[in-house]
Amino acid sequence: MPTYVFRCPQACDDVEQVHSMLTVPDDVECPVCAERARRIVTAARLGVGDSAAMRAHDATRATADAPAVVSSVPGSQRRSTPVTTNPLHRRLPRP
């Protein structure tokens, strides 16, 4: 179900509530001052979830803004290209 944000006219903190799309109210009671908080338009919250894929996505997104600081250049982990001894492979084009 979607999360909706409601804003109080008394400048209290925004109120976030989960409602089905069929029963979403236009306003709710502010828990701080008891005024009527109106629903505001926000960006869709599609990344809300607790799956392993979403945790990996969130971790990747977090490193885009604040990359980890390293003290040295990582070593080369490249393996050498295996050499074949099959005589039939001699006729193949080389890269």
PDB file of N, CA and C in Angstrom:
ATOM      1  N   MET A   1       0.840  -1.181   0.000  1.00  0.00           N
ATOM      2  CA  MET A   1       0.000   0.000   0.000  1.00  0.00           C
ATOM      3  C   MET A   1       0.886   1.245   0.000  1.00  0.00           C
ATOM      4  N   PRO A   2       0.429   2.318  -0.635  1.00  0.00           N
ATOM      5  CA  PRO A   2       1.234   3.541  -0.724  1.00  0.00           C
ATOM      6  C   PRO A   2       1.295   4.299   0.604  1.00  0.00           C
ATOM      7  N   THR A   3       2.382   5.024   0.768  1.00  0.00           N
ATOM      8  CA  THR A   3       2.561   5.904   1.921  1.00  0.00           C
ATOM      9  C   THR A   3       2.211   7.318   1.484  1.00  0.00           C
ATOM     10  N   TYR A   4       1.328   7.984   2.237  1.00  0.00           N
ATOM     11  CA  TYR A   4       0.913   9.344   1.916  1.00  0.00           C
ATOM     12  C   TYR A   4       1.459  10.298   2.966  1.00  0.00           C
ATOM     13  N   VAL A   5       1.754  11.538   2.537  1.00  0.00           N
ATOM     14  CA  VAL A   5       2.298  12.556   3.424  1.00  0.00           C
ATOM     15  C   VAL A   5       1.247  13.638   3.605  1.00  0.00           C
ATOM     16  N   PHE A   6       1.041  14.023   4.866  1.00  0.00           N
ATOM     17  CA  PHE A   6       0.084  15.070   5.208  1.00  0.00           C
ATOM     18  C   PHE A   6       0.842  16.180   5.915  1.00  0.00           C
ATOM     19  N   ARG A   7       0.504  17.461   5.576  1.00  0.00           N
ATOM     20  CA  ARG A   7       1.199  18.611   6.158  1.00  0.00           C
ATOM     21  C   ARG A   7       0.221  19.441   6.980  1.00  0.00           C
ATOM     22  N   CYS A   8       0.641  19.744   8.199  1.00  0.00           N
ATOM     23  CA  CYS A   8      -0.171  20.516   9.140  1.00  0.00           C
ATOM     24  C   CYS A   8      -0.008  22.014   8.848  1.00  0.00           C
ATOM     25  N   PRO A   9      -1.090  22.811   8.947  1.00  0.00           N
ATOM     26  CA  PRO A   9      -0.962  24.261   8.721  1.00  0.00           C
ATOM     27  C   PRO A   9      -0.214  24.974   9.851  1.00  0.00           C
ATOM     28  N   GLN A  10      -0.021  24.330  10.992  1.00  0.00           N
ATOM     29  CA  GLN A  10       0.678  24.936  12.128  1.00  0.00           C
ATOM     30  C   GLN A  10       2.188  24.682  12.072  1.00  0.00           C
ATOM     31  N   ALA A  11       2.709  24.205  10.958  1.00  0.00           N
ATOM     32  CA  ALA A  11       4.135  23.944  10.726  1.00  0.00           C
ATOM     33  C   ALA A  11       4.686  22.845  11.632  1.00  0.00           C
ATOM     34  N   CYS A  12       3.859  21.890  12.002  1.00  0.00           N
ATOM     35  CA  CYS A  12       4.339  20.712  12.728  1.00  0.00           C
ATOM     36  C   CYS A  12       5.067  19.806  11.733  1.00  0.00           C
ATOM     37  N   ASP A  13       5.659  18.741  12.217  1.00  0.00           N
ATOM     38  CA  ASP A  13       6.309  17.789  11.321  1.00  0.00           C
ATOM     39  C   ASP A  13       5.277  17.139  10.403  1.00  0.00           C
ATOM     40  N   ASP A  14       5.721  16.760   9.195  1.00  0.00           N
ATOM     41  CA  ASP A  14       4.828  16.075   8.267  1.00  0.00           C
ATOM     42  C   ASP A  14       4.398  14.734   8.848  1.00  0.00           C
ATOM     43  N   VAL A  15       3.174  14.332   8.533  1.00  0.00           N
ATOM     44  CA  VAL A  15       2.614  13.075   9.017  1.00  0.00           C
ATOM     45  C   VAL A  15       2.604  12.097   7.852  1.00  0.00           C
ATOM     46  N   GLU A  16       3.203  10.932   8.035  1.00  0.00           N
ATOM     47  CA  GLU A  16       3.213   9.892   7.008  1.00  0.00           C
ATOM     48  C   GLU A  16       2.300   8.757   7.455  1.00  0.00           C
ATOM     49  N   GLN A  17       1.377   8.372   6.578  1.00  0.00           N
ATOM     50  CA  GLN A  17       0.464   7.277   6.889  1.00  0.00           C
ATOM     51  C   GLN A  17       0.308   6.400   5.661  1.00  0.00           C
ATOM     52  N   VAL A  18       0.025   5.139   5.917  1.00  0.00           N
ATOM     53  CA  VAL A  18      -0.186   4.170   4.843  1.00  0.00           C
ATOM     54  C   VAL A  18      -1.689   3.954   4.698  1.00  0.00           C
ATOM     55  N   HIS A  19      -2.189   4.153   3.473  1.00  0.00           N
ATOM     56  CA  HIS A  19      -3.611   3.943   3.170  1.00  0.00           C
ATOM     57  C   HIS A  19      -3.707   3.235   1.833  1.00  0.00           C
ATOM     58  N   SER A  20      -4.775   2.509   1.635  1.00  0.00           N
ATOM     59  CA  SER A  20      -5.006   1.941   0.306  1.00  0.00           C
ATOM     60  C   SER A  20      -5.416   3.073  -0.623  1.00  0.00           C
ATOM     61  N   MET A  21      -5.209   2.902  -1.894  1.00  0.00           N
ATOM     62  CA  MET A  21      -5.535   3.954  -2.861  1.00  0.00           C
ATOM     63  C   MET A  21      -7.038   4.214  -2.915  1.00  0.00           C
ATOM     64  N   LEU A  22      -7.810   3.248  -2.527  1.00  0.00           N
ATOM     65  CA  LEU A  22      -9.265   3.383  -2.563  1.00  0.00           C
ATOM     66  C   LEU A  22      -9.780   4.221  -1.391  1.00  0.00           C
ATOM     67  N   THR A  23      -9.111   4.172  -0.250  1.00  0.00           N
ATOM     68  CA  THR A  23      -9.640   4.823   0.946  1.00  0.00           C
ATOM     69  C   THR A  23      -8.761   5.939   1.478  1.00  0.00           C
ATOM     70  N   VAL A  24      -7.925   6.543   0.659  1.00  0.00           N
ATOM     71  CA  VAL A  24      -7.025   7.598   1.140  1.00  0.00           C
ATOM     72  C   VAL A  24      -7.840   8.859   1.472  1.00  0.00           C
ATOM     73  N   PRO A  25      -7.662   9.419   2.673  1.00  0.00           N
ATOM     74  CA  PRO A  25      -8.403  10.633   3.031  1.00  0.00           C
ATOM     75  C   PRO A  25      -7.705  11.886   2.495  1.00  0.00           C
ATOM     76  N   ASP A  26      -8.459  12.980   2.382  1.00  0.00           N
ATOM     77  CA  ASP A  26      -7.880  14.256   1.954  1.00  0.00           C
ATOM     78  C   ASP A  26      -7.137  14.940   3.091  1.00  0.00           C
ATOM     79  N   ASP A  27      -7.570  14.688   4.330  1.00  0.00           N
ATOM     80  CA  ASP A  27      -6.885  15.255   5.475  1.00  0.00           C
ATOM     81  C   ASP A  27      -7.004  14.310   6.667  1.00  0.00           C
ATOM     82  N   VAL A  28      -6.037  14.432   7.582  1.00  0.00           N
ATOM     83  CA  VAL A  28      -6.021  13.619   8.802  1.00  0.00           C
ATOM     84  C   VAL A  28      -5.738  14.547   9.977  1.00  0.00           C
ATOM     85  N   GLU A  29      -5.920  14.035  11.178  1.00  0.00           N
ATOM     86  CA  GLU A  29      -5.649  14.824  12.366  1.00  0.00           C
ATOM     87  C   GLU A  29      -4.154  14.804  12.678  1.00  0.00           C
ATOM     88  N   CYS A  30      -3.588  15.982  12.908  1.00  0.00           N
ATOM     89  CA  CYS A  30      -2.174  16.091  13.257  1.00  0.00           C
ATOM     90  C   CYS A  30      -1.986  15.528  14.668  1.00  0.00           C
ATOM     91  N   PRO A  31      -1.020  14.622  14.869  1.00  0.00           N
ATOM     92  CA  PRO A  31      -0.833  14.044  16.202  1.00  0.00           C
ATOM     93  C   PRO A  31      -0.239  15.025  17.213  1.00  0.00           C
ATOM     94  N   VAL A  32       0.310  16.154  16.755  1.00  0.00           N
ATOM     95  CA  VAL A  32       0.951  17.110  17.653  1.00  0.00           C
ATOM     96  C   VAL A  32      -0.048  18.159  18.156  1.00  0.00           C
ATOM     97  N   CYS A  33      -0.776  18.791  17.213  1.00  0.00           N
ATOM     98  CA  CYS A  33      -1.634  19.916  17.600  1.00  0.00           C
ATOM     99  C   CYS A  33      -3.121  19.660  17.363  1.00  0.00           C
ATOM    100  N   ALA A  34      -3.484  18.520  16.824  1.00  0.00           N
ATOM    101  CA  ALA A  34      -4.877  18.121  16.567  1.00  0.00           C
ATOM    102  C   ALA A  34      -5.555  18.945  15.479  1.00  0.00           C
ATOM    103  N   GLU A  35      -4.806  19.726  14.698  1.00  0.00           N
ATOM    104  CA  GLU A  35      -5.364  20.423  13.530  1.00  0.00           C
ATOM    105  C   GLU A  35      -5.547  19.407  12.407  1.00  0.00           C
ATOM    106  N   ARG A  36      -6.237  19.818  11.353  1.00  0.00           N
ATOM    107  CA  ARG A  36      -6.434  18.949  10.199  1.00  0.00           C
ATOM    108  C   ARG A  36      -5.238  19.123   9.253  1.00  0.00           C
ATOM    109  N   ALA A  37      -4.480  18.073   9.024  1.00  0.00           N
ATOM    110  CA  ALA A  37      -3.321  18.105   8.126  1.00  0.00           C
ATOM    111  C   ALA A  37      -3.769  17.660   6.739  1.00  0.00           C
ATOM    112  N   ARG A  38      -3.491  18.476   5.726  1.00  0.00           N
ATOM    113  CA  ARG A  38      -3.910  18.189   4.354  1.00  0.00           C
ATOM    114  C   ARG A  38      -2.894  17.307   3.655  1.00  0.00           C
ATOM    115  N   ARG A  39      -3.387  16.467   2.765  1.00  0.00           N
ATOM    116  CA  ARG A  39      -2.507  15.597   1.982  1.00  0.00           C
ATOM    117  C   ARG A  39      -1.761  16.440   0.961  1.00  0.00           C
ATOM    118  N   ILE A  40      -0.459  16.179   0.806  1.00  0.00           N
ATOM    119  CA  ILE A  40       0.338  16.912  -0.172  1.00  0.00           C
ATOM    120  C   ILE A  40       0.837  15.943  -1.241  1.00  0.00           C
ATOM    121  N   VAL A  41       1.161  16.492  -2.386  1.00  0.00           N
ATOM    122  CA  VAL A  41       1.661  15.687  -3.494  1.00  0.00           C
ATOM    123  C   VAL A  41       3.153  15.491  -3.306  1.00  0.00           C
ATOM    124  N   THR A  42       3.604  14.258  -3.345  1.00  0.00           N
ATOM    125  CA  THR A  42       5.017  13.929  -3.200  1.00  0.00           C
ATOM    126  C   THR A  42       5.420  12.983  -4.321  1.00  0.00           C
ATOM    127  N   ALA A  43       6.704  12.753  -4.433  1.00  0.00           N
ATOM    128  CA  ALA A  43       7.202  11.789  -5.412  1.00  0.00           C
ATOM    129  C   ALA A  43       6.787  10.383  -4.990  1.00  0.00           C
ATOM    130  N   ALA A  44       6.606   9.536  -5.948  1.00  0.00           N
ATOM    131  CA  ALA A  44       6.215   8.154  -5.663  1.00  0.00           C
ATOM    132  C   ALA A  44       7.317   7.463  -4.880  1.00  0.00           C
ATOM    133  N   ARG A  45       6.947   6.700  -3.881  1.00  0.00           N
ATOM    134  CA  ARG A  45       7.914   5.978  -3.051  1.00  0.00           C
ATOM    135  C   ARG A  45       7.935   4.529  -3.491  1.00  0.00           C
ATOM    136  N   LEU A  46       8.635   4.295  -4.573  1.00  0.00           N
ATOM    137  CA  LEU A  46       8.677   2.959  -5.139  1.00  0.00           C
ATOM    138  C   LEU A  46       9.761   2.101  -4.520  1.00  0.00           C
ATOM    139  N   GLY A  47      10.739   2.703  -3.869  1.00  0.00           N
ATOM    140  CA  GLY A  47      11.864   1.954  -3.323  1.00  0.00           C
ATOM    141  C   GLY A  47      11.675   1.504  -1.893  1.00  0.00           C
ATOM    142  N   VAL A  48      10.448   1.415  -1.436  1.00  0.00           N
ATOM    143  CA  VAL A  48      10.212   0.996  -0.063  1.00  0.00           C
ATOM    144  C   VAL A  48      10.065  -0.521  -0.041  1.00  0.00           C
ATOM    145  N   GLY A  49      10.896  -1.176   0.704  1.00  0.00           N
ATOM    146  CA  GLY A  49      10.828  -2.628   0.789  1.00  0.00           C
ATOM    147  C   GLY A  49      11.933  -3.157   1.662  1.00  0.00           C
ATOM    148  N   ASP A  50      11.848  -4.414   2.010  1.00  0.00           N
ATOM    149  CA  ASP A  50      12.847  -5.010   2.881  1.00  0.00           C
ATOM    150  C   ASP A  50      13.396  -6.289   2.264  1.00  0.00           C
ATOM    151  N   SER A  51      13.584  -6.270   0.957  1.00  0.00           N
ATOM    152  CA  SER A  51      14.155  -7.439   0.305  1.00  0.00           C
ATOM    153  C   SER A  51      15.669  -7.254   0.178  1.00  0.00           C
ATOM    154  N   ALA A  52      16.348  -8.323  -0.108  1.00  0.00           N
ATOM    155  CA  ALA A  52      17.805  -8.251  -0.274  1.00  0.00           C
ATOM    156  C   ALA A  52      18.167  -7.351  -1.455  1.00  0.00           C
ATOM    157  N   ALA A  53      17.366  -7.397  -2.511  1.00  0.00           N
ATOM    158  CA  ALA A  53      17.630  -6.563  -3.679  1.00  0.00           C
ATOM    159  C   ALA A  53      17.489  -5.084  -3.332  1.00  0.00           C
ATOM    160  N   MET A  54      16.487  -4.730  -2.529  1.00  0.00           N
ATOM    161  CA  MET A  54      16.297  -3.327  -2.168  1.00  0.00           C
ATOM    162  C   MET A  54      17.413  -2.852  -1.240  1.00  0.00           C
ATOM    163  N   ARG A  55      17.889  -3.697  -0.330  1.00  0.00           N
ATOM    164  CA  ARG A  55      19.002  -3.313   0.542  1.00  0.00           C
ATOM    165  C   ARG A  55      20.263  -3.085  -0.284  1.00  0.00           C
ATOM    166  N   ALA A  56      20.520  -3.933  -1.277  1.00  0.00           N
ATOM    167  CA  ALA A  56      21.687  -3.757  -2.144  1.00  0.00           C
ATOM    168  C   ALA A  56      21.556  -2.484  -2.969  1.00  0.00           C
ATOM    169  N   HIS A  57      20.358  -2.210  -3.448  1.00  0.00           N
ATOM    170  CA  HIS A  57      20.111  -0.999  -4.225  1.00  0.00           C
ATOM    171  C   HIS A  57      20.331   0.245  -3.363  1.00  0.00           C
ATOM    172  N   ASP A  58      19.835   0.227  -2.132  1.00  0.00           N
ATOM    173  CA  ASP A  58      20.012   1.360  -1.240  1.00  0.00           C
ATOM    174  C   ASP A  58      21.485   1.572  -0.892  1.00  0.00           C
ATOM    175  N   ALA A  59      22.228   0.499  -0.678  1.00  0.00           N
ATOM    176  CA  ALA A  59      23.648   0.614  -0.373  1.00  0.00           C
ATOM    177  C   ALA A  59      24.418   1.177  -1.569  1.00  0.00           C
ATOM    178  N   THR A  60      24.074   0.767  -2.765  1.00  0.00           N
ATOM    179  CA  THR A  60      24.720   1.266  -3.974  1.00  0.00           C
ATOM    180  C   THR A  60      24.402   2.736  -4.184  1.00  0.00           C
ATOM    181  N   ARG A  61      23.149   3.110  -3.955  1.00  0.00           N
ATOM    182  CA  ARG A  61      22.742   4.501  -4.130  1.00  0.00           C
ATOM    183  C   ARG A  61      23.445   5.389  -3.100  1.00  0.00           C
ATOM    184  N   ALA A  62      23.637   4.898  -1.894  1.00  0.00           N
ATOM    185  CA  ALA A  62      24.292   5.681  -0.853  1.00  0.00           C
ATOM    186  C   ALA A  62      25.750   5.961  -1.208  1.00  0.00           C
ATOM    187  N   THR A  63      26.446   5.032  -1.856  1.00  0.00           N
ATOM    188  CA  THR A  63      27.846   5.243  -2.207  1.00  0.00           C
ATOM    189  C   THR A  63      28.013   6.183  -3.393  1.00  0.00           C
ATOM    190  N   ALA A  64      26.961   6.467  -4.133  1.00  0.00           N
ATOM    191  CA  ALA A  64      27.061   7.399  -5.252  1.00  0.00           C
ATOM    192  C   ALA A  64      27.290   8.821  -4.749  1.00  0.00           C
ATOM    193  N   ASP A  65      26.690   9.177  -3.625  1.00  0.00           N
ATOM    194  CA  ASP A  65      26.831  10.522  -3.081  1.00  0.00           C
ATOM    195  C   ASP A  65      28.031  10.657  -2.158  1.00  0.00           C
ATOM    196  N   ALA A  66      28.355   9.601  -1.437  1.00  0.00           N
ATOM    197  CA  ALA A  66      29.462   9.652  -0.482  1.00  0.00           C
ATOM    198  C   ALA A  66      30.296   8.388  -0.634  1.00  0.00           C
ATOM    199  N   PRO A  67      31.213   8.373  -1.614  1.00  0.00           N
ATOM    200  CA  PRO A  67      32.001   7.158  -1.828  1.00  0.00           C
ATOM    201  C   PRO A  67      32.942   6.888  -0.658  1.00  0.00           C
ATOM    202  N   ALA A  68      33.287   5.638  -0.483  1.00  0.00           N
ATOM    203  CA  ALA A  68      34.192   5.247   0.590  1.00  0.00           C
ATOM    204  C   ALA A  68      35.597   5.769   0.287  1.00  0.00           C
ATOM    205  N   VAL A  69      36.286   6.236   1.308  1.00  0.00           N
ATOM    206  CA  VAL A  69      37.638   6.753   1.157  1.00  0.00           C
ATOM    207  C   VAL A  69      38.609   5.594   1.354  1.00  0.00           C
ATOM    208  N   VAL A  70      39.544   5.445   0.408  1.00  0.00           N
ATOM    209  CA  VAL A  70      40.527   4.359   0.496  1.00  0.00           C
ATOM    210  C   VAL A  70      41.905   4.959   0.732  1.00  0.00           C
ATOM    211  N   SER A  71      42.789   4.173   1.331  1.00  0.00           N
ATOM    212  CA  SER A  71      44.127   4.674   1.625  1.00  0.00           C
ATOM    213  C   SER A  71      45.138   4.315   0.537  1.00  0.00           C
ATOM    214  N   SER A  72      44.803   3.349  -0.322  1.00  0.00           N
ATOM    215  CA  SER A  72      45.724   2.992  -1.401  1.00  0.00           C
ATOM    216  C   SER A  72      44.915   2.451  -2.579  1.00  0.00           C
ATOM    217  N   VAL A  73      45.583   2.363  -3.714  1.00  0.00           N
ATOM    218  CA  VAL A  73      44.952   1.848  -4.916  1.00  0.00           C
ATOM    219  C   VAL A  73      44.814   0.338  -4.784  1.00  0.00           C
ATOM    220  N   PRO A  74      43.642  -0.224  -5.099  1.00  0.00           N
ATOM    221  CA  PRO A  74      43.503  -1.675  -4.985  1.00  0.00           C
ATOM    222  C   PRO A  74      44.414  -2.392  -5.966  1.00  0.00           C
ATOM    223  N   GLY A  75      44.889  -3.569  -5.579  1.00  0.00           N
ATOM    224  CA  GLY A  75      45.782  -4.360  -6.418  1.00  0.00           C
ATOM    225  C   GLY A  75      45.059  -4.949  -7.614  1.00  0.00           C
ATOM    226  N   SER A  76      45.831  -5.332  -8.594  1.00  0.00           N
ATOM    227  CA  SER A  76      45.257  -5.918  -9.799  1.00  0.00           C
ATOM    228  C   SER A  76      44.907  -7.380  -9.541  1.00  0.00           C
ATOM    229  N   GLN A  77      43.691  -7.744  -9.798  1.00  0.00           N
ATOM    230  CA  GLN A  77      43.216  -9.108  -9.596  1.00  0.00           C
ATOM    231  C   GLN A  77      43.012  -9.818 -10.932  1.00  0.00           C
ATOM    232  N   ARG A  78      43.575  -9.260 -11.995  1.00  0.00           N
ATOM    233  CA  ARG A  78      43.368  -9.819 -13.323  1.00  0.00           C
ATOM    234  C   ARG A  78      44.205 -11.073 -13.511  1.00  0.00           C
ATOM    235  N   ARG A  79      43.552 -12.105 -14.017  1.00  0.00           N
ATOM    236  CA  ARG A  79      44.266 -13.348 -14.295  1.00  0.00           C
ATOM    237  C   ARG A  79      44.792 -13.325 -15.728  1.00  0.00           C
ATOM    238  N   SER A  80      45.876 -14.012 -15.957  1.00  0.00           N
ATOM    239  CA  SER A  80      46.424 -14.062 -17.312  1.00  0.00           C
ATOM    240  C   SER A  80      45.531 -14.950 -18.195  1.00  0.00           C
ATOM    241  N   THR A  81      45.597 -14.682 -19.481  1.00  0.00           N
ATOM    242  CA  THR A  81      44.797 -15.444 -20.440  1.00  0.00           C
ATOM    243  C   THR A  81      45.379 -16.842 -20.583  1.00  0.00           C
ATOM    244  N   PRO A  82      44.553 -17.878 -20.463  1.00  0.00           N
ATOM    245  CA  PRO A  82      45.083 -19.231 -20.597  1.00  0.00           C
ATOM    246  C   PRO A  82      45.541 -19.499 -22.032  1.00  0.00           C
ATOM    247  N   VAL A  83      46.635 -20.228 -22.161  1.00  0.00           N
ATOM    248  CA  VAL A  83      47.186 -20.572 -23.465  1.00  0.00           C
ATOM    249  C   VAL A  83      46.828 -22.021 -23.756  1.00  0.00           C
ATOM    250  N   THR A  84      46.298 -22.229 -24.937  1.00  0.00           N
ATOM    251  CA  THR A  84      45.907 -23.584 -25.317  1.00  0.00           C
ATOM    252  C   THR A  84      47.058 -24.285 -26.031  1.00  0.00           C
ATOM    253  N   THR A  85      47.093 -25.567 -25.890  1.00  0.00           N
ATOM    254  CA  THR A  85      48.113 -26.361 -26.590  1.00  0.00           C
ATOM    255  C   THR A  85      47.489 -27.220 -27.682  1.00  0.00           C
ATOM    256  N   ASN A  86      46.223 -27.040 -27.931  1.00  0.00           N
ATOM    257  CA  ASN A  86      45.535 -27.806 -28.969  1.00  0.00           C
ATOM    258  C   ASN A  86      45.984 -27.283 -30.335  1.00  0.00           C
ATOM    259  N   PRO A  87      46.497 -28.156 -31.229  1.00  0.00           N
ATOM    260  CA  PRO A  87      46.965 -27.690 -32.539  1.00  0.00           C
ATOM    261  C   PRO A  87      45.842 -27.147 -33.415  1.00  0.00           C
ATOM    262  N   LEU A  88      44.599 -27.568 -33.178  1.00  0.00           N
ATOM    263  CA  LEU A  88      43.490 -27.063 -33.984  1.00  0.00           C
ATOM    264  C   LEU A  88      43.176 -25.603 -33.686  1.00  0.00           C
ATOM    265  N   HIS A  89      43.558 -25.162 -32.539  1.00  0.00           N
ATOM    266  CA  HIS A  89      43.276 -23.775 -32.168  1.00  0.00           C
ATOM    267  C   HIS A  89      44.237 -22.787 -32.842  1.00  0.00           C
ATOM    268  N   ARG A  90      45.307 -23.271 -33.463  1.00  0.00           N
ATOM    269  CA  ARG A  90      46.259 -22.386 -34.128  1.00  0.00           C
ATOM    270  C   ARG A  90      45.647 -21.672 -35.315  1.00  0.00           C
ATOM    271  N   ARG A  91      44.640 -22.274 -35.934  1.00  0.00           N
ATOM    272  CA  ARG A  91      44.024 -21.686 -37.109  1.00  0.00           C
ATOM    273  C   ARG A  91      42.968 -20.618 -36.766  1.00  0.00           C
ATOM    274  N   LEU A  92      42.604 -20.522 -35.507  1.00  0.00           N
ATOM    275  CA  LEU A  92      41.609 -19.535 -35.107  1.00  0.00           C
ATOM    276  C   LEU A  92      42.208 -18.139 -35.171  1.00  0.00           C
ATOM    277  N   PRO A  93      41.399 -17.150 -35.515  1.00  0.00           N
ATOM    278  CA  PRO A  93      41.933 -15.780 -35.564  1.00  0.00           C
ATOM    279  C   PRO A  93      42.274 -15.289 -34.164  1.00  0.00           C
ATOM    280  N   ARG A  94      43.318 -14.479 -34.066  1.00  0.00           N
ATOM    281  CA  ARG A  94      43.747 -13.933 -32.796  1.00  0.00           C
ATOM    282  C   ARG A  94      43.076 -12.566 -32.596  1.00  0.00           C
ATOM    283  N   PRO A  95      42.795 -12.249 -31.357  1.00  0.00           N
ATOM    284  CA  PRO A  95      42.150 -10.941 -31.106  1.00  0.00           C
ATOM    285  C   PRO A  95      43.124  -9.798 -31.264  1.00  0.00           C
TER     286      PRO A  95
END
